[in-house]
Amino acid sequence: MTRITNPKETIVVINASGGTPVKISASKNAKYVEIQECAPTNYNNTGNEPFAPQGLVYQKPDDGFVASFPLLPGEILPLGDNTYRAKIAFATPAMTDPANQTIPATVYIQALSATSTATQVRVREWS
């Protein structure tokens, strides 16, 4: 179940399975996030070139990006809590502290395509 309010949406290109994992990070303070593979932004659903989702293999920062998990085509990876009313944000974007030190953005996951074909994901972030 997603929220009623409009999330911030970002498209992130994901490398093919033999490439370098792509880190997907917060772009705003977020209480709930959904990550899902999506068709390319220039995709034209004419039937001549049907969208063929690849699926993902992702890793979480909880264990230092060691364990790998599958995200099958069409599945949504939910992160956080969508009963957001009294919850605090679990993710923050990159920022600079008062001492002028850069604080990196919260990394949600790092991912690769499950196949030798690159793909992309839509990241939806709710505050």
Protein backbone atom coordinates (compact mmCIF):
# COMPACT_ATOMS: atom_id res chain seq x y z
CA MET A 1 0.00 0.00 0.00
CA THR A 2 1.41 3.37 -0.98
CA ARG A 3 0.56 6.75 0.45
CA ILE A 4 -1.94 9.18 -0.92
CA THR A 5 0.48 12.11 -1.21
CA ASN A 6 2.76 12.43 -4.19
CA PRO A 7 6.23 10.96 -3.73
CA LYS A 8 9.44 12.30 -5.22
CA GLU A 9 10.31 10.01 -8.14
CA THR A 10 13.79 9.43 -9.50
CA ILE A 11 14.96 7.10 -12.26
CA VAL A 12 18.30 5.33 -11.63
CA VAL A 13 20.16 3.37 -14.31
CA ILE A 14 21.34 -0.04 -13.07
CA ASN A 15 24.40 -1.74 -14.57
CA ALA A 16 24.37 -5.21 -16.11
CA SER A 17 25.24 -8.17 -13.88
CA GLY A 18 28.96 -8.04 -14.67
CA GLY A 19 29.30 -4.35 -13.86
CA THR A 20 29.86 -2.28 -10.74
CA PRO A 21 26.91 -2.24 -8.31
CA VAL A 22 24.95 1.02 -8.34
CA LYS A 23 24.19 2.61 -4.97
CA ILE A 24 20.69 4.03 -4.65
CA SER A 25 20.69 6.82 -2.07
CA ALA A 26 18.19 9.19 -0.47
CA SER A 27 17.49 12.42 -2.32
CA LYS A 28 15.24 13.79 0.46
CA ASN A 29 14.25 13.03 4.06
CA ALA A 30 12.22 9.87 3.65
CA LYS A 31 9.95 7.83 5.90
CA TYR A 32 8.93 5.33 3.23
CA VAL A 33 10.51 4.32 -0.10
CA GLU A 34 9.58 2.00 -2.96
CA ILE A 35 12.09 0.76 -5.53
CA GLN A 36 10.82 -0.97 -8.67
CA GLU A 37 12.30 -1.82 -12.05
CA CYS A 38 10.73 0.27 -14.81
CA ALA A 39 10.73 0.68 -18.56
CA PRO A 40 13.26 3.09 -20.08
CA THR A 41 12.13 6.72 -20.15
CA ASN A 42 12.15 6.67 -23.96
CA TYR A 43 10.11 3.42 -24.05
CA ASN A 44 7.40 3.38 -26.69
CA ASN A 45 4.79 0.70 -26.08
CA THR A 46 4.08 0.02 -29.74
CA GLY A 47 4.56 -3.71 -29.45
CA ASN A 48 7.58 -3.65 -31.76
CA GLU A 49 10.02 -3.64 -28.85
CA PRO A 50 8.21 -4.94 -25.76
CA PHE A 51 9.69 -3.99 -22.40
CA ALA A 52 11.54 -7.00 -20.99
CA PRO A 53 12.26 -6.48 -17.28
CA GLN A 54 15.50 -8.08 -16.14
CA GLY A 55 15.00 -8.32 -12.39
CA LEU A 56 17.60 -7.12 -9.89
CA VAL A 57 20.09 -8.50 -7.43
CA TYR A 58 20.45 -6.08 -4.52
CA GLN A 59 22.39 -5.77 -1.29
CA LYS A 60 21.55 -3.82 1.86
CA PRO A 61 23.93 -1.64 3.88
CA ASP A 62 22.85 -3.40 7.12
CA ASP A 63 25.53 -6.09 6.70
CA GLY A 64 28.03 -4.04 4.71
CA PHE A 65 26.54 -5.09 1.35
CA VAL A 66 27.43 -8.77 1.80
CA ALA A 67 24.19 -10.78 1.44
CA SER A 68 22.45 -10.61 -1.95
CA PHE A 69 18.69 -10.70 -2.51
CA PRO A 70 16.63 -11.07 -5.70
CA LEU A 71 13.98 -8.57 -6.79
CA LEU A 72 11.92 -10.26 -9.47
CA PRO A 73 10.48 -8.34 -12.43
CA GLY A 74 7.37 -6.45 -11.33
CA GLU A 75 8.13 -6.69 -7.61
CA ILE A 76 8.33 -3.58 -5.43
CA LEU A 77 10.98 -3.30 -2.73
CA PRO A 78 9.40 -1.35 0.18
CA LEU A 79 11.71 0.33 2.70
CA GLY A 80 10.69 2.21 5.83
CA ASP A 81 7.22 2.54 7.29
CA ASN A 82 4.21 3.68 5.28
CA THR A 83 2.16 4.35 8.43
CA TYR A 84 4.14 7.55 8.48
CA ARG A 85 2.08 9.94 10.61
CA ALA A 86 4.15 9.86 13.81
CA LYS A 87 7.32 8.31 12.41
CA ILE A 88 10.69 9.93 11.91
CA ALA A 89 12.60 9.83 8.64
CA PHE A 90 14.92 6.84 8.29
CA ALA A 91 16.85 8.34 5.39
CA THR A 92 18.38 11.74 4.67
CA PRO A 93 19.96 13.31 1.58
CA ALA A 94 23.58 14.42 1.47
CA MET A 95 24.14 17.61 3.46
CA THR A 96 26.81 19.80 4.98
CA ASP A 97 27.05 20.13 8.77
CA PRO A 98 27.83 23.40 10.61
CA ALA A 99 31.56 22.56 10.56
CA ASN A 100 31.37 22.45 6.74
CA GLN A 101 31.83 18.66 6.68
CA THR A 102 29.89 16.68 4.08
CA ILE A 103 27.49 14.08 5.43
CA PRO A 104 26.72 11.45 2.76
CA ALA A 105 23.18 10.52 1.83
CA THR A 106 21.64 7.39 3.34
CA VAL A 107 22.18 4.46 0.97
CA TYR A 108 19.02 2.40 0.54
CA ILE A 109 20.56 -0.47 -1.45
CA GLN A 110 23.14 -1.23 -4.10
CA ALA A 111 21.96 -3.17 -7.11
CA LEU A 112 22.83 -4.84 -10.39
CA SER A 113 20.63 -6.22 -13.14
CA ALA A 114 19.95 -9.93 -12.69
CA THR A 115 21.06 -10.47 -16.30
CA SER A 116 23.77 -9.24 -18.66
CA THR A 117 21.40 -6.47 -19.80
CA ALA A 118 21.40 -3.13 -17.98
CA THR A 119 18.05 -1.87 -16.66
CA GLN A 120 16.66 0.98 -14.58
CA VAL A 121 14.54 1.49 -11.48
CA ARG A 122 12.03 4.05 -10.30
CA VAL A 123 12.68 5.23 -6.74
CA ARG A 124 9.67 6.76 -4.98
CA GLU A 125 10.38 8.62 -1.71
CA TRP A 126 7.72 9.83 0.72
CA SER A 127 8.38 12.24 3.61
